[in-house]
Amino acid sequence: MSKNFERRDTRFSADGRTVFVRLRINRKDFEFARSWAEFHAAADPAGTAEDHLEGYLSMALLEAREHAKWRAPPEIEALYPAVDKGLRGLPDMDDGIPF
């Protein structure tokens, strides 16, 4: 059997666009994310540290993919017809909340 390089508890959404994984992170990084959730609570009262971690990871991976000029296999790219195109230049999603 060939190795697929994923943990056994990794799950995929029904549409195949979202993957649910378990991650271990440094406690300081978690507290940083929690502090941002608290800071943004007025704009996003339901926001959590985990939401911020997802956002940080997504942006870091987007940057890494762009830097490496990496493309997913065609069947995966087909799941995202225009999602990654033109993300740069969109207005800041924080709508004026200072960093």
PDB file of N, CA and C in Angstrom:
ATOM      1  N   MET A   1       0.853  -1.191   0.000  1.00  0.00           N
ATOM      2  CA  MET A   1       0.000   0.000   0.000  1.00  0.00           C
ATOM      3  C   MET A   1       0.890   1.243   0.000  1.00  0.00           C
ATOM      4  N   SER A   2       0.613   2.179  -0.868  1.00  0.00           N
ATOM      5  CA  SER A   2       1.425   3.393  -0.932  1.00  0.00           C
ATOM      6  C   SER A   2       1.026   4.354   0.189  1.00  0.00           C
ATOM      7  N   LYS A   3       1.993   5.101   0.658  1.00  0.00           N
ATOM      8  CA  LYS A   3       1.757   6.065   1.727  1.00  0.00           C
ATOM      9  C   LYS A   3       1.093   7.311   1.148  1.00  0.00           C
ATOM     10  N   ASN A   4       0.042   7.808   1.808  1.00  0.00           N
ATOM     11  CA  ASN A   4      -0.641   9.000   1.297  1.00  0.00           C
ATOM     12  C   ASN A   4      -0.282  10.263   2.077  1.00  0.00           C
ATOM     13  N   PHE A   5       0.635  10.167   3.032  1.00  0.00           N
ATOM     14  CA  PHE A   5       1.162  11.314   3.767  1.00  0.00           C
ATOM     15  C   PHE A   5       0.094  12.128   4.493  1.00  0.00           C
ATOM     16  N   GLU A   6      -0.874  11.457   5.097  1.00  0.00           N
ATOM     17  CA  GLU A   6      -1.859  12.138   5.932  1.00  0.00           C
ATOM     18  C   GLU A   6      -2.182  11.254   7.122  1.00  0.00           C
ATOM     19  N   ARG A   7      -2.626  11.873   8.206  1.00  0.00           N
ATOM     20  CA  ARG A   7      -3.014  11.121   9.396  1.00  0.00           C
ATOM     21  C   ARG A   7      -4.339  10.415   9.150  1.00  0.00           C
ATOM     22  N   ARG A   8      -4.566   9.391   9.932  1.00  0.00           N
ATOM     23  CA  ARG A   8      -5.807   8.625   9.766  1.00  0.00           C
ATOM     24  C   ARG A   8      -7.051   9.404  10.155  1.00  0.00           C
ATOM     25  N   ASP A   9      -6.916  10.399  11.031  1.00  0.00           N
ATOM     26  CA  ASP A   9      -8.104  11.153  11.456  1.00  0.00           C
ATOM     27  C   ASP A   9      -8.400  12.369  10.568  1.00  0.00           C
ATOM     28  N   THR A  10      -7.666  12.544   9.490  1.00  0.00           N
ATOM     29  CA  THR A  10      -7.939  13.631   8.544  1.00  0.00           C
ATOM     30  C   THR A  10      -9.235  13.326   7.799  1.00  0.00           C
ATOM     31  N   ARG A  11     -10.102  14.330   7.705  1.00  0.00           N
ATOM     32  CA  ARG A  11     -11.397  14.159   7.044  1.00  0.00           C
ATOM     33  C   ARG A  11     -11.589  15.246   5.991  1.00  0.00           C
ATOM     34  N   PHE A  12     -12.374  14.926   4.966  1.00  0.00           N
ATOM     35  CA  PHE A  12     -12.673  15.861   3.882  1.00  0.00           C
ATOM     36  C   PHE A  12     -14.160  16.190   3.889  1.00  0.00           C
ATOM     37  N   SER A  13     -14.494  17.435   3.543  1.00  0.00           N
ATOM     38  CA  SER A  13     -15.898  17.829   3.449  1.00  0.00           C
ATOM     39  C   SER A  13     -16.537  17.124   2.262  1.00  0.00           C
ATOM     40  N   ALA A  14     -17.863  17.126   2.230  1.00  0.00           N
ATOM     41  CA  ALA A  14     -18.592  16.446   1.157  1.00  0.00           C
ATOM     42  C   ALA A  14     -18.233  16.997  -0.220  1.00  0.00           C
ATOM     43  N   ASP A  15     -18.005  18.319  -0.314  1.00  0.00           N
ATOM     44  CA  ASP A  15     -17.669  18.896  -1.621  1.00  0.00           C
ATOM     45  C   ASP A  15     -16.180  18.790  -1.954  1.00  0.00           C
ATOM     46  N   GLY A  16     -15.384  18.294  -1.012  1.00  0.00           N
ATOM     47  CA  GLY A  16     -13.963  18.091  -1.266  1.00  0.00           C
ATOM     48  C   GLY A  16     -13.103  19.335  -1.150  1.00  0.00           C
ATOM     49  N   ARG A  17     -13.707  20.472  -0.802  1.00  0.00           N
ATOM     50  CA  ARG A  17     -12.952  21.732  -0.758  1.00  0.00           C
ATOM     51  C   ARG A  17     -12.340  22.032   0.598  1.00  0.00           C
ATOM     52  N   THR A  18     -12.792  21.367   1.640  1.00  0.00           N
ATOM     53  CA  THR A  18     -12.288  21.625   2.988  1.00  0.00           C
ATOM     54  C   THR A  18     -11.740  20.342   3.578  1.00  0.00           C
ATOM     55  N   VAL A  19     -10.593  20.462   4.232  1.00  0.00           N
ATOM     56  CA  VAL A  19      -9.976  19.318   4.903  1.00  0.00           C
ATOM     57  C   VAL A  19      -9.901  19.651   6.386  1.00  0.00           C
ATOM     58  N   PHE A  20     -10.326  18.721   7.207  1.00  0.00           N
ATOM     59  CA  PHE A  20     -10.299  18.904   8.653  1.00  0.00           C
ATOM     60  C   PHE A  20      -9.109  18.136   9.205  1.00  0.00           C
ATOM     61  N   VAL A  21      -8.201  18.864   9.851  1.00  0.00           N
ATOM     62  CA  VAL A  21      -6.978  18.260  10.377  1.00  0.00           C
ATOM     63  C   VAL A  21      -6.811  18.633  11.845  1.00  0.00           C
ATOM     64  N   ARG A  22      -5.999  17.867  12.535  1.00  0.00           N
ATOM     65  CA  ARG A  22      -5.637  18.166  13.920  1.00  0.00           C
ATOM     66  C   ARG A  22      -4.214  18.704  13.893  1.00  0.00           C
ATOM     67  N   LEU A  23      -4.015  19.849  14.526  1.00  0.00           N
ATOM     68  CA  LEU A  23      -2.690  20.471  14.537  1.00  0.00           C
ATOM     69  C   LEU A  23      -2.210  20.670  15.966  1.00  0.00           C
ATOM     70  N   ARG A  24      -0.907  20.592  16.152  1.00  0.00           N
ATOM     71  CA  ARG A  24      -0.287  20.952  17.426  1.00  0.00           C
ATOM     72  C   ARG A  24       0.471  22.248  17.196  1.00  0.00           C
ATOM     73  N   ILE A  25       0.250  23.212  18.079  1.00  0.00           N
ATOM     74  CA  ILE A  25       0.958  24.486  17.956  1.00  0.00           C
ATOM     75  C   ILE A  25       1.546  24.869  19.308  1.00  0.00           C
ATOM     76  N   ASN A  26       2.465  25.802  19.283  1.00  0.00           N
ATOM     77  CA  ASN A  26       3.083  26.355  20.474  1.00  0.00           C
ATOM     78  C   ASN A  26       2.026  27.098  21.284  1.00  0.00           C
ATOM     79  N   ARG A  27       2.045  26.963  22.599  1.00  0.00           N
ATOM     80  CA  ARG A  27       1.059  27.626  23.451  1.00  0.00           C
ATOM     81  C   ARG A  27       1.094  29.147  23.264  1.00  0.00           C
ATOM     82  N   LYS A  28       2.289  29.725  23.091  1.00  0.00           N
ATOM     83  CA  LYS A  28       2.378  31.174  22.882  1.00  0.00           C
ATOM     84  C   LYS A  28       1.644  31.585  21.613  1.00  0.00           C
ATOM     85  N   ASP A  29       1.727  30.778  20.568  1.00  0.00           N
ATOM     86  CA  ASP A  29       1.019  31.090  19.322  1.00  0.00           C
ATOM     87  C   ASP A  29      -0.490  31.050  19.529  1.00  0.00           C
ATOM     88  N   PHE A  30      -0.956  30.076  20.323  1.00  0.00           N
ATOM     89  CA  PHE A  30      -2.385  29.994  20.614  1.00  0.00           C
ATOM     90  C   PHE A  30      -2.837  31.224  21.398  1.00  0.00           C
ATOM     91  N   GLU A  31      -2.054  31.628  22.389  1.00  0.00           N
ATOM     92  CA  GLU A  31      -2.419  32.802  23.187  1.00  0.00           C
ATOM     93  C   GLU A  31      -2.418  34.065  22.331  1.00  0.00           C
ATOM     94  N   PHE A  32      -1.489  34.142  21.376  1.00  0.00           N
ATOM     95  CA  PHE A  32      -1.478  35.265  20.441  1.00  0.00           C
ATOM     96  C   PHE A  32      -2.786  35.295  19.647  1.00  0.00           C
ATOM     97  N   ALA A  33      -3.197  34.143  19.114  1.00  0.00           N
ATOM     98  CA  ALA A  33      -4.445  34.061  18.347  1.00  0.00           C
ATOM     99  C   ALA A  33      -5.642  34.405  19.226  1.00  0.00           C
ATOM    100  N   ARG A  34      -5.614  33.947  20.477  1.00  0.00           N
ATOM    101  CA  ARG A  34      -6.710  34.264  21.395  1.00  0.00           C
ATOM    102  C   ARG A  34      -6.767  35.780  21.644  1.00  0.00           C
ATOM    103  N   SER A  35      -5.600  36.417  21.767  1.00  0.00           N
ATOM    104  CA  SER A  35      -5.590  37.864  21.999  1.00  0.00           C
ATOM    105  C   SER A  35      -6.178  38.613  20.805  1.00  0.00           C
ATOM    106  N   TRP A  36      -5.931  38.124  19.583  1.00  0.00           N
ATOM    107  CA  TRP A  36      -6.518  38.760  18.402  1.00  0.00           C
ATOM    108  C   TRP A  36      -8.021  38.540  18.358  1.00  0.00           C
ATOM    109  N   ALA A  37      -8.478  37.378  18.790  1.00  0.00           N
ATOM    110  CA  ALA A  37      -9.925  37.135  18.841  1.00  0.00           C
ATOM    111  C   ALA A  37     -10.573  38.109  19.819  1.00  0.00           C
ATOM    112  N   GLU A  38      -9.919  38.327  20.954  1.00  0.00           N
ATOM    113  CA  GLU A  38     -10.435  39.275  21.939  1.00  0.00           C
ATOM    114  C   GLU A  38     -10.404  40.700  21.386  1.00  0.00           C
ATOM    115  N   PHE A  39      -9.313  41.062  20.724  1.00  0.00           N
ATOM    116  CA  PHE A  39      -9.165  42.400  20.153  1.00  0.00           C
ATOM    117  C   PHE A  39     -10.243  42.680  19.109  1.00  0.00           C
ATOM    118  N   HIS A  40     -10.598  41.680  18.319  1.00  0.00           N
ATOM    119  CA  HIS A  40     -11.581  41.845  17.247  1.00  0.00           C
ATOM    120  C   HIS A  40     -13.010  41.507  17.684  1.00  0.00           C
ATOM    121  N   ALA A  41     -13.228  41.303  18.973  1.00  0.00           N
ATOM    122  CA  ALA A  41     -14.533  40.856  19.464  1.00  0.00           C
ATOM    123  C   ALA A  41     -15.662  41.814  19.112  1.00  0.00           C
ATOM    124  N   ALA A  42     -15.389  43.102  19.065  1.00  0.00           N
ATOM    125  CA  ALA A  42     -16.452  44.054  18.723  1.00  0.00           C
ATOM    126  C   ALA A  42     -16.942  43.835  17.301  1.00  0.00           C
ATOM    127  N   ALA A  43     -16.024  43.524  16.392  1.00  0.00           N
ATOM    128  CA  ALA A  43     -16.392  43.303  14.992  1.00  0.00           C
ATOM    129  C   ALA A  43     -16.862  41.877  14.745  1.00  0.00           C
ATOM    130  N   ASP A  44     -16.354  40.935  15.525  1.00  0.00           N
ATOM    131  CA  ASP A  44     -16.680  39.518  15.328  1.00  0.00           C
ATOM    132  C   ASP A  44     -16.837  38.855  16.693  1.00  0.00           C
ATOM    133  N   PRO A  45     -17.993  39.069  17.349  1.00  0.00           N
ATOM    134  CA  PRO A  45     -18.174  38.559  18.706  1.00  0.00           C
ATOM    135  C   PRO A  45     -18.081  37.035  18.819  1.00  0.00           C
ATOM    136  N   ALA A  46     -18.350  36.332  17.749  1.00  0.00           N
ATOM    137  CA  ALA A  46     -18.295  34.864  17.792  1.00  0.00           C
ATOM    138  C   ALA A  46     -16.915  34.331  17.416  1.00  0.00           C
ATOM    139  N   GLY A  47     -15.971  35.223  17.099  1.00  0.00           N
ATOM    140  CA  GLY A  47     -14.635  34.793  16.676  1.00  0.00           C
ATOM    141  C   GLY A  47     -13.885  34.085  17.792  1.00  0.00           C
ATOM    142  N   THR A  48     -13.078  33.125  17.413  1.00  0.00           N
ATOM    143  CA  THR A  48     -12.308  32.341  18.379  1.00  0.00           C
ATOM    144  C   THR A  48     -10.832  32.344  17.998  1.00  0.00           C
ATOM    145  N   ALA A  49     -10.012  31.901  18.934  1.00  0.00           N
ATOM    146  CA  ALA A  49      -8.589  31.740  18.642  1.00  0.00           C
ATOM    147  C   ALA A  49      -8.411  30.790  17.468  1.00  0.00           C
ATOM    148  N   GLU A  50      -9.203  29.744  17.429  1.00  0.00           N
ATOM    149  CA  GLU A  50      -9.103  28.777  16.338  1.00  0.00           C
ATOM    150  C   GLU A  50      -9.424  29.412  14.988  1.00  0.00           C
ATOM    151  N   ASP A  51     -10.417  30.308  14.959  1.00  0.00           N
ATOM    152  CA  ASP A  51     -10.729  31.025  13.715  1.00  0.00           C
ATOM    153  C   ASP A  51      -9.521  31.826  13.236  1.00  0.00           C
ATOM    154  N   HIS A  52      -8.864  32.497  14.167  1.00  0.00           N
ATOM    155  CA  HIS A  52      -7.691  33.292  13.798  1.00  0.00           C
ATOM    156  C   HIS A  52      -6.545  32.398  13.344  1.00  0.00           C
ATOM    157  N   LEU A  53      -6.364  31.260  14.000  1.00  0.00           N
ATOM    158  CA  LEU A  53      -5.320  30.329  13.564  1.00  0.00           C
ATOM    159  C   LEU A  53      -5.595  29.839  12.147  1.00  0.00           C
ATOM    160  N   GLU A  54      -6.864  29.536  11.840  1.00  0.00           N
ATOM    161  CA  GLU A  54      -7.214  29.120  10.478  1.00  0.00           C
ATOM    162  C   GLU A  54      -6.870  30.218   9.483  1.00  0.00           C
ATOM    163  N   GLY A  55      -7.184  31.455   9.831  1.00  0.00           N
ATOM    164  CA  GLY A  55      -6.885  32.572   8.948  1.00  0.00           C
ATOM    165  C   GLY A  55      -5.392  32.755   8.733  1.00  0.00           C
ATOM    166  N   TYR A  56      -4.622  32.692   9.824  1.00  0.00           N
ATOM    167  CA  TYR A  56      -3.166  32.835   9.708  1.00  0.00           C
ATOM    168  C   TYR A  56      -2.586  31.728   8.848  1.00  0.00           C
ATOM    169  N   LEU A  57      -3.011  30.499   9.101  1.00  0.00           N
ATOM    170  CA  LEU A  57      -2.487  29.359   8.343  1.00  0.00           C
ATOM    171  C   LEU A  57      -2.869  29.469   6.867  1.00  0.00           C
ATOM    172  N   SER A  58      -4.108  29.836   6.593  1.00  0.00           N
ATOM    173  CA  SER A  58      -4.548  29.971   5.199  1.00  0.00           C
ATOM    174  C   SER A  58      -3.733  31.020   4.459  1.00  0.00           C
ATOM    175  N   MET A  59      -3.499  32.170   5.098  1.00  0.00           N
ATOM    176  CA  MET A  59      -2.727  33.227   4.443  1.00  0.00           C
ATOM    177  C   MET A  59      -1.266  32.819   4.268  1.00  0.00           C
ATOM    178  N   ALA A  60      -0.698  32.158   5.275  1.00  0.00           N
ATOM    179  CA  ALA A  60       0.697  31.711   5.161  1.00  0.00           C
ATOM    180  C   ALA A  60       0.844  30.694   4.036  1.00  0.00           C
ATOM    181  N   LEU A  61      -0.118  29.784   3.928  1.00  0.00           N
ATOM    182  CA  LEU A  61      -0.057  28.785   2.857  1.00  0.00           C
ATOM    183  C   LEU A  61      -0.270  29.427   1.492  1.00  0.00           C
ATOM    184  N   LEU A  62      -1.160  30.397   1.397  1.00  0.00           N
ATOM    185  CA  LEU A  62      -1.366  31.112   0.134  1.00  0.00           C
ATOM    186  C   LEU A  62      -0.072  31.800  -0.293  1.00  0.00           C
ATOM    187  N   GLU A  63       0.580  32.471   0.647  1.00  0.00           N
ATOM    188  CA  GLU A  63       1.859  33.127   0.346  1.00  0.00           C
ATOM    189  C   GLU A  63       2.897  32.106  -0.113  1.00  0.00           C
ATOM    190  N   ALA A  64       2.981  30.975   0.586  1.00  0.00           N
ATOM    191  CA  ALA A  64       3.966  29.943   0.235  1.00  0.00           C
ATOM    192  C   ALA A  64       3.686  29.367  -1.148  1.00  0.00           C
ATOM    193  N   ARG A  65       2.402  29.127  -1.466  1.00  0.00           N
ATOM    194  CA  ARG A  65       2.048  28.602  -2.794  1.00  0.00           C
ATOM    195  C   ARG A  65       2.428  29.599  -3.876  1.00  0.00           C
ATOM    196  N   GLU A  66       2.106  30.874  -3.643  1.00  0.00           N
ATOM    197  CA  GLU A  66       2.442  31.901  -4.631  1.00  0.00           C
ATOM    198  C   GLU A  66       3.948  32.005  -4.818  1.00  0.00           C
ATOM    199  N   HIS A  67       4.684  32.013  -3.723  1.00  0.00           N
ATOM    200  CA  HIS A  67       6.144  32.133  -3.789  1.00  0.00           C
ATOM    201  C   HIS A  67       6.760  30.959  -4.553  1.00  0.00           C
ATOM    202  N   ALA A  68       6.240  29.761  -4.314  1.00  0.00           N
ATOM    203  CA  ALA A  68       6.770  28.559  -4.973  1.00  0.00           C
ATOM    204  C   ALA A  68       6.180  28.357  -6.366  1.00  0.00           C
ATOM    205  N   LYS A  69       5.181  29.186  -6.726  1.00  0.00           N
ATOM    206  CA  LYS A  69       4.462  29.017  -7.999  1.00  0.00           C
ATOM    207  C   LYS A  69       3.901  27.595  -8.123  1.00  0.00           C
ATOM    208  N   TRP A  70       3.420  27.079  -6.991  1.00  0.00           N
ATOM    209  CA  TRP A  70       2.902  25.712  -6.924  1.00  0.00           C
ATOM    210  C   TRP A  70       1.461  25.674  -7.403  1.00  0.00           C
ATOM    211  N   ARG A  71       1.114  24.644  -8.143  1.00  0.00           N
ATOM    212  CA  ARG A  71      -0.261  24.420  -8.600  1.00  0.00           C
ATOM    213  C   ARG A  71      -0.704  23.041  -8.140  1.00  0.00           C
ATOM    214  N   ALA A  72      -1.932  22.956  -7.724  1.00  0.00           N
ATOM    215  CA  ALA A  72      -2.506  21.668  -7.336  1.00  0.00           C
ATOM    216  C   ALA A  72      -2.776  20.846  -8.589  1.00  0.00           C
ATOM    217  N   PRO A  73      -2.955  19.546  -8.420  1.00  0.00           N
ATOM    218  CA  PRO A  73      -3.336  18.727  -9.576  1.00  0.00           C
ATOM    219  C   PRO A  73      -4.644  19.259 -10.183  1.00  0.00           C
ATOM    220  N   PRO A  74      -4.858  19.039 -11.481  1.00  0.00           N
ATOM    221  CA  PRO A  74      -6.040  19.588 -12.165  1.00  0.00           C
ATOM    222  C   PRO A  74      -7.368  19.275 -11.479  1.00  0.00           C
ATOM    223  N   GLU A  75      -7.520  18.078 -10.929  1.00  0.00           N
ATOM    224  CA  GLU A  75      -8.796  17.730 -10.295  1.00  0.00           C
ATOM    225  C   GLU A  75      -9.042  18.556  -9.029  1.00  0.00           C
ATOM    226  N   ILE A  76      -7.988  18.983  -8.363  1.00  0.00           N
ATOM    227  CA  ILE A  76      -8.137  19.847  -7.193  1.00  0.00           C
ATOM    228  C   ILE A  76      -8.356  21.292  -7.641  1.00  0.00           C
ATOM    229  N   GLU A  77      -7.599  21.757  -8.626  1.00  0.00           N
ATOM    230  CA  GLU A  77      -7.789  23.116  -9.157  1.00  0.00           C
ATOM    231  C   GLU A  77      -9.226  23.313  -9.635  1.00  0.00           C
ATOM    232  N   ALA A  78      -9.842  22.274 -10.173  1.00  0.00           N
ATOM    233  CA  ALA A  78     -11.218  22.371 -10.679  1.00  0.00           C
ATOM    234  C   ALA A  78     -12.218  22.682  -9.562  1.00  0.00           C
ATOM    235  N   LEU A  79     -11.870  22.363  -8.318  1.00  0.00           N
ATOM    236  CA  LEU A  79     -12.752  22.661  -7.189  1.00  0.00           C
ATOM    237  C   LEU A  79     -12.785  24.154  -6.868  1.00  0.00           C
ATOM    238  N   TYR A  80     -11.798  24.888  -7.359  1.00  0.00           N
ATOM    239  CA  TYR A  80     -11.645  26.305  -7.041  1.00  0.00           C
ATOM    240  C   TYR A  80     -11.540  27.130  -8.316  1.00  0.00           C
ATOM    241  N   PRO A  81     -12.620  27.284  -9.060  1.00  0.00           N
ATOM    242  CA  PRO A  81     -12.541  27.935 -10.366  1.00  0.00           C
ATOM    243  C   PRO A  81     -11.907  29.322 -10.353  1.00  0.00           C
ATOM    244  N   ALA A  82     -12.233  30.160  -9.394  1.00  0.00           N
ATOM    245  CA  ALA A  82     -11.649  31.506  -9.385  1.00  0.00           C
ATOM    246  C   ALA A  82     -11.296  31.962  -7.979  1.00  0.00           C
ATOM    247  N   VAL A  83     -11.288  31.065  -7.036  1.00  0.00           N
ATOM    248  CA  VAL A  83     -11.098  31.449  -5.638  1.00  0.00           C
ATOM    249  C   VAL A  83      -9.760  32.118  -5.400  1.00  0.00           C
ATOM    250  N   ASP A  84      -8.671  31.552  -5.907  1.00  0.00           N
ATOM    251  CA  ASP A  84      -7.348  32.095  -5.628  1.00  0.00           C
ATOM    252  C   ASP A  84      -6.932  33.199  -6.588  1.00  0.00           C
ATOM    253  N   LYS A  85      -7.677  33.404  -7.636  1.00  0.00           N
ATOM    254  CA  LYS A  85      -7.296  34.408  -8.626  1.00  0.00           C
ATOM    255  C   LYS A  85      -7.735  35.792  -8.149  1.00  0.00           C
ATOM    256  N   GLY A  86      -6.827  36.717  -8.115  1.00  0.00           N
ATOM    257  CA  GLY A  86      -7.171  38.084  -7.769  1.00  0.00           C
ATOM    258  C   GLY A  86      -7.378  38.354  -6.298  1.00  0.00           C
ATOM    259  N   LEU A  87      -6.891  37.486  -5.407  1.00  0.00           N
ATOM    260  CA  LEU A  87      -7.052  37.762  -3.988  1.00  0.00           C
ATOM    261  C   LEU A  87      -6.281  39.002  -3.575  1.00  0.00           C
ATOM    262  N   ARG A  88      -5.134  39.208  -4.162  1.00  0.00           N
ATOM    263  CA  ARG A  88      -4.355  40.409  -3.868  1.00  0.00           C
ATOM    264  C   ARG A  88      -5.105  41.601  -4.444  1.00  0.00           C
ATOM    265  N   GLY A  89      -5.175  42.655  -3.703  1.00  0.00           N
ATOM    266  CA  GLY A  89      -5.867  43.835  -4.181  1.00  0.00           C
ATOM    267  C   GLY A  89      -7.306  43.917  -3.696  1.00  0.00           C
ATOM    268  N   LEU A  90      -7.815  42.860  -3.060  1.00  0.00           N
ATOM    269  CA  LEU A  90      -9.133  42.957  -2.465  1.00  0.00           C
ATOM    270  C   LEU A  90      -9.034  43.844  -1.232  1.00  0.00           C
ATOM    271  N   PRO A  91     -10.117  44.497  -0.841  1.00  0.00           N
ATOM    272  CA  PRO A  91     -10.046  45.339   0.348  1.00  0.00           C
ATOM    273  C   PRO A  91      -9.717  44.500   1.584  1.00  0.00           C
ATOM    274  N   ASP A  92      -9.089  45.144   2.559  1.00  0.00           N
ATOM    275  CA  ASP A  92      -8.734  44.476   3.803  1.00  0.00           C
ATOM    276  C   ASP A  92     -10.004  43.937   4.463  1.00  0.00           C
ATOM    277  N   MET A  93      -9.985  42.681   4.822  1.00  0.00           N
ATOM    278  CA  MET A  93     -11.174  42.050   5.394  1.00  0.00           C
ATOM    279  C   MET A  93     -11.495  42.571   6.796  1.00  0.00           C
ATOM    280  N   ASP A  94     -10.572  43.299   7.425  1.00  0.00           N
ATOM    281  CA  ASP A  94     -10.823  43.813   8.762  1.00  0.00           C
ATOM    282  C   ASP A  94     -11.581  45.138   8.747  1.00  0.00           C
ATOM    283  N   ASP A  95     -11.874  45.651   7.578  1.00  0.00           N
ATOM    284  CA  ASP A  95     -12.696  46.855   7.438  1.00  0.00           C
ATOM    285  C   ASP A  95     -12.273  47.999   8.352  1.00  0.00           C
ATOM    286  N   GLY A  96     -11.001  48.316   8.348  1.00  0.00           N
ATOM    287  CA  GLY A  96     -10.538  49.473   9.096  1.00  0.00           C
ATOM    288  C   GLY A  96     -10.187  49.224  10.545  1.00  0.00           C
ATOM    289  N   ILE A  97     -10.330  48.004  11.021  1.00  0.00           N
ATOM    290  CA  ILE A  97      -9.921  47.716  12.396  1.00  0.00           C
ATOM    291  C   ILE A  97      -8.398  47.791  12.432  1.00  0.00           C
ATOM    292  N   PRO A  98      -7.828  48.594  13.326  1.00  0.00           N
ATOM    293  CA  PRO A  98      -6.365  48.747  13.340  1.00  0.00           C
ATOM    294  C   PRO A  98      -5.655  47.485  13.799  1.00  0.00           C
ATOM    295  N   PHE A  99      -4.448  47.289  13.291  1.00  0.00           N
ATOM    296  CA  PHE A  99      -3.639  46.140  13.701  1.00  0.00           C
ATOM    297  C   PHE A  99      -2.695  46.547  14.802  1.00  0.00           C
TER     298      PHE A  99
END
